[in-house]
């Protein structure tokens, strides 16, 4: 009888151990550095050498394109290709000096075909004929997004010893870019027929047509950087971004990561904008000011903890709303998110 009980207990322990391993074990990744994040919350799911500064090749163009979209008012306007922006080494869409090309075609040419000439033309135009000005804008934007281990020296990703980023920083930049609808549409496009050129661009990023749930975003390669990939995929409302730097199995590794992530994680709505929280000591109702969703395992959702902090009231910029405190979302002891509490 005692022996049978021991065997039963061991079986139960083994079952739980197998379940834990199934959730925690991610397929092996051959990248020198990688990171896997939840696109909605920015939560880091898995990483390795994520803060190591490395060359990033044409994944640089993620910043180039999102900054051009935000800076150039009319994306359909035609601009003239500066002579110095044609004939650039590496990937190209074969622009000719003084050729008239629409900005939108340059954006697609930069993202889908990784055209260094297209990126240089965008940089010069968006930088008001000062490419160095645009590079400064790229670096300022990186710092604004929290990508503090990044430094850009050009808009294309051609090798420069001072041009680098990290898997973590690229994830931040990519998650930001993918929230822009124009950028998102471009990154997900398999084939694009140009409006101002006699050309069709096919996306070099196989994720968008090889992986069932692929949504973007950019590949890159130089001898110094190796094969670099920022990939995104979305299934049932959960979107994952994977950054793989110097990875010879870049696409296969990303697909395995996505399969594993979608098998083990799903997005939960933790709090919703306008959700009632509590009353202040003066009996005024307090509400959540912003929604927060996060990818979690079934086990992790049980460990979520909410903390509300009521602070002395002060008027916000909106005269109809009073900020009255903040709230924190914890996963165990780790803080996942901090938001604002308001009174209406």
C-alpha atoms as a PDB file:
ATOM      1  CA  UNK A   1       0.000   0.000   0.000  1.00  0.00           C
ATOM      2  CA  UNK A   2       2.757   2.449   0.985  1.00  0.00           C
ATOM      3  CA  UNK A   3       4.708   1.476  -2.125  1.00  0.00           C
ATOM      4  CA  UNK A   4       1.655   2.153  -4.338  1.00  0.00           C
ATOM      5  CA  UNK A   5       1.168   5.571  -2.719  1.00  0.00           C
ATOM      6  CA  UNK A   6       4.823   6.436  -3.341  1.00  0.00           C
ATOM      7  CA  UNK A   7       4.511   5.399  -6.998  1.00  0.00           C
ATOM      8  CA  UNK A   8       1.321   7.491  -7.375  1.00  0.00           C
ATOM      9  CA  UNK A   9       3.045  10.502  -5.796  1.00  0.00           C
ATOM     10  CA  UNK A  10       6.035  10.145  -8.117  1.00  0.00           C
ATOM     11  CA  UNK A  11       3.733   9.962 -11.148  1.00  0.00           C
ATOM     12  CA  UNK A  12       1.965  13.168 -10.050  1.00  0.00           C
ATOM     13  CA  UNK A  13       5.311  14.929  -9.538  1.00  0.00           C
ATOM     14  CA  UNK A  14       6.489  13.717 -12.940  1.00  0.00           C
ATOM     15  CA  UNK A  15       3.325  14.997 -14.638  1.00  0.00           C
ATOM     16  CA  UNK A  16       3.746  18.448 -13.099  1.00  0.00           C
ATOM     17  CA  UNK A  17       7.459  18.469 -13.991  1.00  0.00           C
ATOM     18  CA  UNK A  18       6.674  17.611 -17.612  1.00  0.00           C
ATOM     19  CA  UNK A  19       4.050  20.344 -17.779  1.00  0.00           C
ATOM     20  CA  UNK A  20       6.512  22.870 -16.361  1.00  0.00           C
ATOM     21  CA  UNK A  21       9.196  21.819 -18.846  1.00  0.00           C
ATOM     22  CA  UNK A  22       6.747  22.032 -21.721  1.00  0.00           C
ATOM     23  CA  UNK A  23       5.914  25.631 -20.833  1.00  0.00           C
ATOM     24  CA  UNK A  24       9.439  26.814 -20.048  1.00  0.00           C
ATOM     25  CA  UNK A  25      11.561  25.037 -22.651  1.00  0.00           C
ATOM     26  CA  UNK A  26      11.966  27.019 -25.872  1.00  0.00           C
ATOM     27  CA  UNK A  27      13.482  25.427 -28.995  1.00  0.00           C
ATOM     28  CA  UNK A  28      17.210  25.993 -29.373  1.00  0.00           C
ATOM     29  CA  UNK A  29      18.162  29.190 -31.198  1.00  0.00           C
ATOM     30  CA  UNK A  30      21.509  29.542 -32.963  1.00  0.00           C
ATOM     31  CA  UNK A  31      21.583  33.358 -32.884  1.00  0.00           C
ATOM     32  CA  UNK A  32      24.482  35.147 -31.232  1.00  0.00           C
ATOM     33  CA  UNK A  33      21.859  37.316 -29.538  1.00  0.00           C
ATOM     34  CA  UNK A  34      18.074  37.143 -29.522  1.00  0.00           C
ATOM     35  CA  UNK A  35      14.986  38.391 -27.752  1.00  0.00           C
ATOM     36  CA  UNK A  36      11.323  37.407 -27.830  1.00  0.00           C
ATOM     37  CA  UNK A  37       8.754  39.966 -26.672  1.00  0.00           C
ATOM     38  CA  UNK A  38       5.020  40.429 -26.430  1.00  0.00           C
ATOM     39  CA  UNK A  39       4.350  43.202 -28.945  1.00  0.00           C
ATOM     40  CA  UNK A  40       1.411  44.699 -27.051  1.00  0.00           C
ATOM     41  CA  UNK A  41       2.942  45.041 -23.599  1.00  0.00           C
ATOM     42  CA  UNK A  42       6.638  44.920 -24.463  1.00  0.00           C
ATOM     43  CA  UNK A  43       7.107  42.120 -21.961  1.00  0.00           C
ATOM     44  CA  UNK A  44      10.303  40.124 -22.501  1.00  0.00           C
ATOM     45  CA  UNK A  45       9.445  36.444 -22.811  1.00  0.00           C
ATOM     46  CA  UNK A  46      12.883  35.010 -23.582  1.00  0.00           C
ATOM     47  CA  UNK A  47      16.302  36.463 -24.391  1.00  0.00           C
ATOM     48  CA  UNK A  48      20.001  35.700 -24.754  1.00  0.00           C
ATOM     49  CA  UNK A  49      22.745  38.341 -24.943  1.00  0.00           C
ATOM     50  CA  UNK A  50      19.937  40.832 -25.531  1.00  0.00           C
ATOM     51  CA  UNK A  51      22.001  43.846 -24.425  1.00  0.00           C
ATOM     52  CA  UNK A  52      25.150  42.966 -26.382  1.00  0.00           C
ATOM     53  CA  UNK A  53      26.051  45.683 -28.894  1.00  0.00           C
ATOM     54  CA  UNK A  54      26.261  44.163 -32.380  1.00  0.00           C
ATOM     55  CA  UNK A  55      26.141  45.266 -36.030  1.00  0.00           C
ATOM     56  CA  UNK A  56      22.545  45.049 -37.272  1.00  0.00           C
ATOM     57  CA  UNK A  57      22.835  45.417 -41.058  1.00  0.00           C
ATOM     58  CA  UNK A  58      19.603  46.426 -42.832  1.00  0.00           C
ATOM     59  CA  UNK A  59      17.371  46.006 -39.798  1.00  0.00           C
ATOM     60  CA  UNK A  60      18.559  49.613 -39.421  1.00  0.00           C
ATOM     61  CA  UNK A  61      15.947  50.489 -42.041  1.00  0.00           C
ATOM     62  CA  UNK A  62      13.142  49.892 -39.534  1.00  0.00           C
ATOM     63  CA  UNK A  63      14.121  53.164 -37.893  1.00  0.00           C
ATOM     64  CA  UNK A  64      14.719  54.849 -41.251  1.00  0.00           C
ATOM     65  CA  UNK A  65      11.240  54.033 -42.521  1.00  0.00           C
ATOM     66  CA  UNK A  66       9.228  54.802 -39.384  1.00  0.00           C
ATOM     67  CA  UNK A  67      11.036  58.127 -38.980  1.00  0.00           C
ATOM     68  CA  UNK A  68      10.465  59.014 -42.640  1.00  0.00           C
ATOM     69  CA  UNK A  69       6.754  58.199 -42.281  1.00  0.00           C
ATOM     70  CA  UNK A  70       6.502  60.445 -39.224  1.00  0.00           C
ATOM     71  CA  UNK A  71       8.563  63.264 -40.744  1.00  0.00           C
ATOM     72  CA  UNK A  72       7.363  63.529 -44.353  1.00  0.00           C
ATOM     73  CA  UNK A  73       3.901  65.058 -44.556  1.00  0.00           C
ATOM     74  CA  UNK A  74       2.882  63.899 -48.048  1.00  0.00           C
ATOM     75  CA  UNK A  75       3.939  60.328 -48.746  1.00  0.00           C
ATOM     76  CA  UNK A  76       2.515  60.413 -52.269  1.00  0.00           C
ATOM     77  CA  UNK A  77       4.631  63.328 -53.452  1.00  0.00           C
ATOM     78  CA  UNK A  78       7.379  62.737 -55.983  1.00  0.00           C
ATOM     79  CA  UNK A  79      10.911  63.744 -55.101  1.00  0.00           C
ATOM     80  CA  UNK A  80      14.129  63.892 -57.102  1.00  0.00           C
ATOM     81  CA  UNK A  81      16.841  61.334 -56.449  1.00  0.00           C
ATOM     82  CA  UNK A  82      20.099  63.127 -55.540  1.00  0.00           C
ATOM     83  CA  UNK A  83      23.042  61.887 -57.652  1.00  0.00           C
ATOM     84  CA  UNK A  84      24.953  60.825 -54.530  1.00  0.00           C
ATOM     85  CA  UNK A  85      22.049  58.567 -53.505  1.00  0.00           C
ATOM     86  CA  UNK A  86      22.262  56.367 -56.606  1.00  0.00           C
ATOM     87  CA  UNK A  87      24.793  53.627 -57.229  1.00  0.00           C
ATOM     88  CA  UNK A  88      25.237  52.874 -53.515  1.00  0.00           C
ATOM     89  CA  UNK A  89      26.831  49.500 -52.747  1.00  0.00           C
ATOM     90  CA  UNK A  90      24.773  46.575 -51.539  1.00  0.00           C
ATOM     91  CA  UNK A  91      21.042  46.012 -52.000  1.00  0.00           C
ATOM     92  CA  UNK A  92      19.461  48.459 -54.425  1.00  0.00           C
ATOM     93  CA  UNK A  93      16.276  49.349 -56.278  1.00  0.00           C
ATOM     94  CA  UNK A  94      18.526  50.893 -58.974  1.00  0.00           C
ATOM     95  CA  UNK A  95      17.535  54.519 -58.717  1.00  0.00           C
ATOM     96  CA  UNK A  96      18.983  56.928 -61.274  1.00  0.00           C
ATOM     97  CA  UNK A  97      20.269  60.472 -60.597  1.00  0.00           C
ATOM     98  CA  UNK A  98      17.480  63.081 -60.755  1.00  0.00           C
ATOM     99  CA  UNK A  99      14.842  60.383 -61.255  1.00  0.00           C
ATOM    100  CA  UNK A 100      11.425  61.422 -59.909  1.00  0.00           C
ATOM    101  CA  UNK A 101      10.105  58.833 -57.457  1.00  0.00           C
ATOM    102  CA  UNK A 102       7.230  58.947 -54.974  1.00  0.00           C
ATOM    103  CA  UNK A 103       8.025  58.774 -51.279  1.00  0.00           C
ATOM    104  CA  UNK A 104       5.672  55.826 -50.823  1.00  0.00           C
ATOM    105  CA  UNK A 105       7.579  53.837 -53.458  1.00  0.00           C
ATOM    106  CA  UNK A 106      10.836  54.638 -51.674  1.00  0.00           C
ATOM    107  CA  UNK A 107       9.354  53.405 -48.395  1.00  0.00           C
ATOM    108  CA  UNK A 108       8.339  50.097 -49.981  1.00  0.00           C
ATOM    109  CA  UNK A 109      11.679  49.846 -51.773  1.00  0.00           C
ATOM    110  CA  UNK A 110      13.499  50.375 -48.495  1.00  0.00           C
ATOM    111  CA  UNK A 111      11.520  47.797 -46.533  1.00  0.00           C
ATOM    112  CA  UNK A 112      10.738  45.094 -49.106  1.00  0.00           C
ATOM    113  CA  UNK A 113      13.875  45.173 -51.267  1.00  0.00           C
ATOM    114  CA  UNK A 114      16.176  46.730 -48.658  1.00  0.00           C
ATOM    115  CA  UNK A 115      17.314  49.330 -51.170  1.00  0.00           C
ATOM    116  CA  UNK A 116      20.255  51.269 -49.797  1.00  0.00           C
ATOM    117  CA  UNK A 117      19.695  53.892 -52.480  1.00  0.00           C
ATOM    118  CA  UNK A 118      16.048  54.236 -51.425  1.00  0.00           C
ATOM    119  CA  UNK A 119      17.025  54.610 -47.768  1.00  0.00           C
ATOM    120  CA  UNK A 120      19.641  57.243 -48.597  1.00  0.00           C
ATOM    121  CA  UNK A 121      17.141  59.216 -50.696  1.00  0.00           C
ATOM    122  CA  UNK A 122      14.570  59.149 -47.881  1.00  0.00           C
ATOM    123  CA  UNK A 123      17.202  60.254 -45.370  1.00  0.00           C
ATOM    124  CA  UNK A 124      18.304  63.198 -47.466  1.00  0.00           C
ATOM    125  CA  UNK A 125      14.752  64.366 -48.156  1.00  0.00           C
ATOM    126  CA  UNK A 126      13.421  63.851 -44.624  1.00  0.00           C
ATOM    127  CA  UNK A 127      16.583  65.448 -43.249  1.00  0.00           C
ATOM    128  CA  UNK A 128      15.975  68.545 -45.405  1.00  0.00           C
ATOM    129  CA  UNK A 129      18.927  67.780 -47.686  1.00  0.00           C
ATOM    130  CA  UNK A 130      21.138  67.054 -44.686  1.00  0.00           C
ATOM    131  CA  UNK A 131      21.679  63.292 -44.320  1.00  0.00           C
ATOM    132  CA  UNK A 132      23.622  63.894 -41.108  1.00  0.00           C
ATOM    133  CA  UNK A 133      20.595  65.725 -39.747  1.00  0.00           C
ATOM    134  CA  UNK A 134      18.470  62.641 -40.381  1.00  0.00           C
ATOM    135  CA  UNK A 135      21.023  60.394 -38.667  1.00  0.00           C
ATOM    136  CA  UNK A 136      20.839  62.693 -35.623  1.00  0.00           C
ATOM    137  CA  UNK A 137      17.063  62.325 -35.733  1.00  0.00           C
ATOM    138  CA  UNK A 138      17.441  58.536 -35.789  1.00  0.00           C
ATOM    139  CA  UNK A 139      19.663  58.582 -32.723  1.00  0.00           C
ATOM    140  CA  UNK A 140      17.386  60.998 -30.878  1.00  0.00           C
ATOM    141  CA  UNK A 141      14.378  58.789 -31.619  1.00  0.00           C
ATOM    142  CA  UNK A 142      16.251  55.735 -30.377  1.00  0.00           C
ATOM    143  CA  UNK A 143      16.972  57.433 -27.057  1.00  0.00           C
ATOM    144  CA  UNK A 144      13.361  58.613 -26.814  1.00  0.00           C
ATOM    145  CA  UNK A 145      12.216  54.979 -27.154  1.00  0.00           C
ATOM    146  CA  UNK A 146      14.677  53.785 -24.517  1.00  0.00           C
ATOM    147  CA  UNK A 147      17.080  52.207 -27.024  1.00  0.00           C
ATOM    148  CA  UNK A 148      20.150  53.544 -25.238  1.00  0.00           C
ATOM    149  CA  UNK A 149      22.664  50.993 -26.532  1.00  0.00           C
ATOM    150  CA  UNK A 150      22.090  51.983 -30.157  1.00  0.00           C
ATOM    151  CA  UNK A 151      24.051  54.272 -32.430  1.00  0.00           C
ATOM    152  CA  UNK A 152      23.275  54.933 -36.081  1.00  0.00           C
ATOM    153  CA  UNK A 153      25.881  56.199 -38.554  1.00  0.00           C
ATOM    154  CA  UNK A 154      23.806  55.778 -41.725  1.00  0.00           C
ATOM    155  CA  UNK A 155      20.240  55.111 -42.831  1.00  0.00           C
ATOM    156  CA  UNK A 156      20.903  51.806 -44.603  1.00  0.00           C
ATOM    157  CA  UNK A 157      22.895  49.605 -42.230  1.00  0.00           C
ATOM    158  CA  UNK A 158      26.076  49.413 -44.308  1.00  0.00           C
ATOM    159  CA  UNK A 159      28.870  48.403 -41.968  1.00  0.00           C
ATOM    160  CA  UNK A 160      30.502  50.993 -39.772  1.00  0.00           C
ATOM    161  CA  UNK A 161      32.271  50.126 -36.529  1.00  0.00           C
ATOM    162  CA  UNK A 162      30.263  52.853 -34.784  1.00  0.00           C
ATOM    163  CA  UNK A 163      26.926  51.626 -36.150  1.00  0.00           C
ATOM    164  CA  UNK A 164      25.329  49.139 -33.762  1.00  0.00           C
ATOM    165  CA  UNK A 165      22.346  48.175 -31.672  1.00  0.00           C
ATOM    166  CA  UNK A 166      21.177  45.315 -29.459  1.00  0.00           C
ATOM    167  CA  UNK A 167      18.434  42.721 -29.725  1.00  0.00           C
ATOM    168  CA  UNK A 168      16.607  44.500 -26.893  1.00  0.00           C
ATOM    169  CA  UNK A 169      16.860  47.930 -28.516  1.00  0.00           C
ATOM    170  CA  UNK A 170      15.724  46.607 -31.898  1.00  0.00           C
ATOM    171  CA  UNK A 171      12.714  45.028 -30.202  1.00  0.00           C
ATOM    172  CA  UNK A 172      11.783  48.405 -28.683  1.00  0.00           C
ATOM    173  CA  UNK A 173      12.149  50.181 -32.029  1.00  0.00           C
ATOM    174  CA  UNK A 174      10.239  47.467 -33.877  1.00  0.00           C
ATOM    175  CA  UNK A 175       7.346  47.320 -31.425  1.00  0.00           C
ATOM    176  CA  UNK A 176       7.016  51.091 -31.745  1.00  0.00           C
ATOM    177  CA  UNK A 177       7.137  51.005 -35.551  1.00  0.00           C
ATOM    178  CA  UNK A 178       4.568  48.215 -35.811  1.00  0.00           C
ATOM    179  CA  UNK A 179       2.022  50.373 -33.976  1.00  0.00           C
ATOM    180  CA  UNK A 180       2.006  52.718 -36.988  1.00  0.00           C
ATOM    181  CA  UNK A 181      -0.607  51.543 -39.500  1.00  0.00           C
ATOM    182  CA  UNK A 182       1.312  52.718 -42.583  1.00  0.00           C
ATOM    183  CA  UNK A 183       4.516  51.038 -41.445  1.00  0.00           C
ATOM    184  CA  UNK A 184       2.617  47.897 -40.488  1.00  0.00           C
ATOM    185  CA  UNK A 185       0.977  47.667 -43.909  1.00  0.00           C
ATOM    186  CA  UNK A 186       4.315  48.069 -45.686  1.00  0.00           C
ATOM    187  CA  UNK A 187       6.085  45.514 -43.479  1.00  0.00           C
ATOM    188  CA  UNK A 188       3.372  42.897 -44.109  1.00  0.00           C
ATOM    189  CA  UNK A 189       3.274  43.324 -47.894  1.00  0.00           C
ATOM    190  CA  UNK A 190       4.367  40.330 -49.979  1.00  0.00           C
ATOM    191  CA  UNK A 191       4.380  42.113 -53.355  1.00  0.00           C
ATOM    192  CA  UNK A 192       4.117  45.783 -54.279  1.00  0.00           C
ATOM    193  CA  UNK A 193       3.685  47.417 -57.687  1.00  0.00           C
ATOM    194  CA  UNK A 194       5.308  50.826 -57.729  1.00  0.00           C
ATOM    195  CA  UNK A 195       3.309  53.893 -58.690  1.00  0.00           C
ATOM    196  CA  UNK A 196       6.160  56.095 -59.965  1.00  0.00           C
ATOM    197  CA  UNK A 197       8.501  53.405 -61.283  1.00  0.00           C
ATOM    198  CA  UNK A 198       8.094  50.556 -63.715  1.00  0.00           C
ATOM    199  CA  UNK A 199       8.842  47.939 -61.098  1.00  0.00           C
ATOM    200  CA  UNK A 200       7.396  45.331 -58.743  1.00  0.00           C
ATOM    201  CA  UNK A 201       8.965  44.757 -55.328  1.00  0.00           C
ATOM    202  CA  UNK A 202       8.847  41.293 -53.733  1.00  0.00           C
ATOM    203  CA  UNK A 203       9.469  41.160 -49.998  1.00  0.00           C
ATOM    204  CA  UNK A 204      12.817  39.592 -49.016  1.00  0.00           C
ATOM    205  CA  UNK A 205      11.354  38.815 -45.601  1.00  0.00           C
ATOM    206  CA  UNK A 206      10.008  35.279 -46.040  1.00  0.00           C
ATOM    207  CA  UNK A 207       8.120  35.462 -42.741  1.00  0.00           C
ATOM    208  CA  UNK A 208       5.214  37.293 -44.397  1.00  0.00           C
ATOM    209  CA  UNK A 209       4.483  34.475 -46.854  1.00  0.00           C
ATOM    210  CA  UNK A 210       6.132  31.363 -45.388  1.00  0.00           C
ATOM    211  CA  UNK A 211       4.749  31.543 -41.854  1.00  0.00           C
ATOM    212  CA  UNK A 212       0.972  31.303 -41.551  1.00  0.00           C
ATOM    213  CA  UNK A 213       0.664  34.042 -38.930  1.00  0.00           C
ATOM    214  CA  UNK A 214       3.538  36.253 -40.116  1.00  0.00           C
ATOM    215  CA  UNK A 215       2.997  40.031 -40.008  1.00  0.00           C
ATOM    216  CA  UNK A 216       6.495  41.455 -40.816  1.00  0.00           C
ATOM    217  CA  UNK A 217       9.047  43.021 -40.473  1.00  0.00           C
ATOM    218  CA  UNK A 218      12.718  43.239 -41.782  1.00  0.00           C
ATOM    219  CA  UNK A 219      15.811  41.205 -42.656  1.00  0.00           C
ATOM    220  CA  UNK A 220      19.432  42.307 -42.878  1.00  0.00           C
ATOM    221  CA  UNK A 221      22.780  40.876 -43.863  1.00  0.00           C
ATOM    222  CA  UNK A 222      26.400  41.982 -44.048  1.00  0.00           C
ATOM    223  CA  UNK A 223      29.535  39.899 -43.561  1.00  0.00           C
ATOM    224  CA  UNK A 224      30.185  41.656 -40.260  1.00  0.00           C
ATOM    225  CA  UNK A 225      26.630  41.348 -38.922  1.00  0.00           C
ATOM    226  CA  UNK A 226      25.734  37.937 -40.296  1.00  0.00           C
ATOM    227  CA  UNK A 227      22.077  37.148 -40.908  1.00  0.00           C
ATOM    228  CA  UNK A 228      19.829  39.422 -38.878  1.00  0.00           C
ATOM    229  CA  UNK A 229      16.067  39.167 -38.642  1.00  0.00           C
ATOM    230  CA  UNK A 230      13.317  41.056 -36.885  1.00  0.00           C
ATOM    231  CA  UNK A 231      10.155  38.991 -37.306  1.00  0.00           C
ATOM    232  CA  UNK A 232       6.604  39.366 -36.078  1.00  0.00           C
ATOM    233  CA  UNK A 233       3.583  37.083 -36.055  1.00  0.00           C
ATOM    234  CA  UNK A 234       0.069  37.304 -34.631  1.00  0.00           C
ATOM    235  CA  UNK A 235      -2.361  34.557 -33.690  1.00  0.00           C
ATOM    236  CA  UNK A 236      -5.672  34.892 -31.863  1.00  0.00           C
ATOM    237  CA  UNK A 237      -4.868  38.402 -30.669  1.00  0.00           C
ATOM    238  CA  UNK A 238      -1.366  37.573 -29.419  1.00  0.00           C
ATOM    239  CA  UNK A 239       1.463  39.231 -31.362  1.00  0.00           C
ATOM    240  CA  UNK A 240       5.073  38.201 -30.830  1.00  0.00           C
ATOM    241  CA  UNK A 241       8.198  40.002 -32.028  1.00  0.00           C
ATOM    242  CA  UNK A 242      11.464  38.064 -32.293  1.00  0.00           C
ATOM    243  CA  UNK A 243      14.854  39.668 -32.944  1.00  0.00           C
ATOM    244  CA  UNK A 244      17.642  37.331 -34.056  1.00  0.00           C
ATOM    245  CA  UNK A 245      21.141  38.709 -34.623  1.00  0.00           C
ATOM    246  CA  UNK A 246      23.873  36.755 -36.416  1.00  0.00           C
ATOM    247  CA  UNK A 247      21.743  33.655 -36.929  1.00  0.00           C
ATOM    248  CA  UNK A 248      22.372  31.295 -39.849  1.00  0.00           C
ATOM    249  CA  UNK A 249      18.981  29.638 -39.218  1.00  0.00           C
ATOM    250  CA  UNK A 250      17.165  32.948 -38.965  1.00  0.00           C
ATOM    251  CA  UNK A 251      13.810  32.024 -40.548  1.00  0.00           C
ATOM    252  CA  UNK A 252      13.508  28.506 -39.132  1.00  0.00           C
ATOM    253  CA  UNK A 253      14.476  29.746 -35.673  1.00  0.00           C
ATOM    254  CA  UNK A 254      11.817  32.468 -35.827  1.00  0.00           C
ATOM    255  CA  UNK A 255       9.121  29.989 -36.893  1.00  0.00           C
ATOM    256  CA  UNK A 256      10.002  27.652 -34.021  1.00  0.00           C
ATOM    257  CA  UNK A 257       9.911  30.560 -31.592  1.00  0.00           C
ATOM    258  CA  UNK A 258       6.469  31.615 -32.814  1.00  0.00           C
ATOM    259  CA  UNK A 259       5.083  28.057 -32.626  1.00  0.00           C
ATOM    260  CA  UNK A 260       6.387  27.731 -29.069  1.00  0.00           C
ATOM    261  CA  UNK A 261       5.095  31.143 -28.006  1.00  0.00           C
ATOM    262  CA  UNK A 262       1.595  30.613 -29.411  1.00  0.00           C
ATOM    263  CA  UNK A 263       1.429  27.179 -27.812  1.00  0.00           C
ATOM    264  CA  UNK A 264       2.269  28.482 -24.354  1.00  0.00           C
ATOM    265  CA  UNK A 265       1.186  32.135 -24.220  1.00  0.00           C
ATOM    266  CA  UNK A 266      -2.017  33.990 -24.887  1.00  0.00           C
ATOM    267  CA  UNK A 267      -2.966  37.619 -24.418  1.00  0.00           C
ATOM    268  CA  UNK A 268      -5.045  38.520 -21.396  1.00  0.00           C
ATOM    269  CA  UNK A 269      -6.802  41.824 -20.760  1.00  0.00           C
ATOM    270  CA  UNK A 270      -5.523  42.810 -17.326  1.00  0.00           C
ATOM    271  CA  UNK A 271      -7.258  46.194 -16.992  1.00  0.00           C
ATOM    272  CA  UNK A 272      -9.481  48.202 -19.324  1.00  0.00           C
ATOM    273  CA  UNK A 273      -9.665  51.949 -19.880  1.00  0.00           C
ATOM    274  CA  UNK A 274     -12.533  53.375 -17.812  1.00  0.00           C
ATOM    275  CA  UNK A 275     -12.614  50.396 -15.441  1.00  0.00           C
ATOM    276  CA  UNK A 276     -13.699  51.275 -11.893  1.00  0.00           C
ATOM    277  CA  UNK A 277     -10.997  50.709  -9.272  1.00  0.00           C
ATOM    278  CA  UNK A 278     -12.108  52.107  -5.909  1.00  0.00           C
ATOM    279  CA  UNK A 279     -13.324  55.209  -4.105  1.00  0.00           C
ATOM    280  CA  UNK A 280     -11.100  57.930  -2.693  1.00  0.00           C
ATOM    281  CA  UNK A 281     -11.393  58.770   1.012  1.00  0.00           C
ATOM    282  CA  UNK A 282     -13.733  61.564  -0.157  1.00  0.00           C
ATOM    283  CA  UNK A 283     -15.951  58.906  -1.815  1.00  0.00           C
ATOM    284  CA  UNK A 284     -15.023  59.914  -5.380  1.00  0.00           C
ATOM    285  CA  UNK A 285     -14.869  57.029  -7.891  1.00  0.00           C
ATOM    286  CA  UNK A 286     -11.464  56.231  -9.397  1.00  0.00           C
ATOM    287  CA  UNK A 287     -10.968  54.715 -12.863  1.00  0.00           C
ATOM    288  CA  UNK A 288      -8.227  53.204 -15.037  1.00  0.00           C
ATOM    289  CA  UNK A 289      -6.928  55.701 -17.601  1.00  0.00           C
ATOM    290  CA  UNK A 290      -5.388  53.187 -20.031  1.00  0.00           C
ATOM    291  CA  UNK A 291      -5.928  49.573 -21.020  1.00  0.00           C
ATOM    292  CA  UNK A 292      -3.221  46.995 -20.468  1.00  0.00           C
ATOM    293  CA  UNK A 293      -2.970  43.616 -22.174  1.00  0.00           C
ATOM    294  CA  UNK A 294      -0.175  41.114 -21.818  1.00  0.00           C
ATOM    295  CA  UNK A 295       0.837  37.674 -23.094  1.00  0.00           C
ATOM    296  CA  UNK A 296       0.980  35.194 -20.216  1.00  0.00           C
ATOM    297  CA  UNK A 297       0.959  31.464 -19.599  1.00  0.00           C
ATOM    298  CA  UNK A 298      -2.007  29.827 -17.866  1.00  0.00           C
ATOM    299  CA  UNK A 299       0.114  29.597 -14.732  1.00  0.00           C
ATOM    300  CA  UNK A 300       1.263  33.220 -14.858  1.00  0.00           C
ATOM    301  CA  UNK A 301      -2.224  34.686 -15.094  1.00  0.00           C
ATOM    302  CA  UNK A 302      -2.845  33.260 -11.618  1.00  0.00           C
ATOM    303  CA  UNK A 303       0.136  35.250 -10.296  1.00  0.00           C
ATOM    304  CA  UNK A 304      -0.986  38.671 -11.526  1.00  0.00           C
ATOM    305  CA  UNK A 305      -1.360  41.266  -8.771  1.00  0.00           C
ATOM    306  CA  UNK A 306      -2.899  44.752  -8.963  1.00  0.00           C
ATOM    307  CA  UNK A 307      -1.838  47.667  -6.755  1.00  0.00           C
ATOM    308  CA  UNK A 308      -3.590  51.063  -6.675  1.00  0.00           C
ATOM    309  CA  UNK A 309      -1.910  54.137  -5.197  1.00  0.00           C
ATOM    310  CA  UNK A 310      -4.122  57.159  -4.479  1.00  0.00           C
ATOM    311  CA  UNK A 311      -2.130  60.399  -4.461  1.00  0.00           C
ATOM    312  CA  UNK A 312      -3.073  64.035  -3.750  1.00  0.00           C
ATOM    313  CA  UNK A 313      -5.358  65.185  -6.540  1.00  0.00           C
ATOM    314  CA  UNK A 314      -4.163  67.592  -9.195  1.00  0.00           C
ATOM    315  CA  UNK A 315      -5.656  68.752 -12.459  1.00  0.00           C
ATOM    316  CA  UNK A 316      -4.365  67.229 -15.686  1.00  0.00           C
ATOM    317  CA  UNK A 317      -4.126  69.026 -19.032  1.00  0.00           C
ATOM    318  CA  UNK A 318      -7.709  67.912 -19.650  1.00  0.00           C
ATOM    319  CA  UNK A 319      -9.799  70.148 -17.393  1.00  0.00           C
ATOM    320  CA  UNK A 320     -12.549  67.522 -17.184  1.00  0.00           C
ATOM    321  CA  UNK A 321     -10.230  64.886 -15.744  1.00  0.00           C
ATOM    322  CA  UNK A 322      -8.273  64.740 -12.515  1.00  0.00           C
ATOM    323  CA  UNK A 323      -5.220  62.512 -12.123  1.00  0.00           C
ATOM    324  CA  UNK A 324      -5.514  61.051  -8.661  1.00  0.00           C
ATOM    325  CA  UNK A 325      -2.819  58.396  -8.539  1.00  0.00           C
ATOM    326  CA  UNK A 326      -1.258  55.449 -10.283  1.00  0.00           C
ATOM    327  CA  UNK A 327      -1.492  51.690 -10.419  1.00  0.00           C
ATOM    328  CA  UNK A 328       0.985  48.850 -10.863  1.00  0.00           C
ATOM    329  CA  UNK A 329       0.553  45.428 -12.404  1.00  0.00           C
ATOM    330  CA  UNK A 330       2.852  42.760 -10.945  1.00  0.00           C
ATOM    331  CA  UNK A 331       3.670  39.256 -12.105  1.00  0.00           C
ATOM    332  CA  UNK A 332       4.797  37.770  -8.837  1.00  0.00           C
ATOM    333  CA  UNK A 333       7.410  40.257  -7.602  1.00  0.00           C
ATOM    334  CA  UNK A 334       8.141  41.704 -11.051  1.00  0.00           C
ATOM    335  CA  UNK A 335       6.367  44.869 -12.138  1.00  0.00           C
ATOM    336  CA  UNK A 336       4.930  44.547 -15.634  1.00  0.00           C
ATOM    337  CA  UNK A 337       3.222  47.907 -16.037  1.00  0.00           C
ATOM    338  CA  UNK A 338       2.528  51.244 -14.364  1.00  0.00           C
ATOM    339  CA  UNK A 339      -0.507  53.292 -15.338  1.00  0.00           C
ATOM    340  CA  UNK A 340      -2.562  56.295 -14.309  1.00  0.00           C
ATOM    341  CA  UNK A 341      -5.678  56.529 -12.135  1.00  0.00           C
ATOM    342  CA  UNK A 342      -8.203  59.276 -12.840  1.00  0.00           C
ATOM    343  CA  UNK A 343     -11.448  60.766 -11.604  1.00  0.00           C
ATOM    344  CA  UNK A 344     -13.984  62.019 -14.138  1.00  0.00           C
END
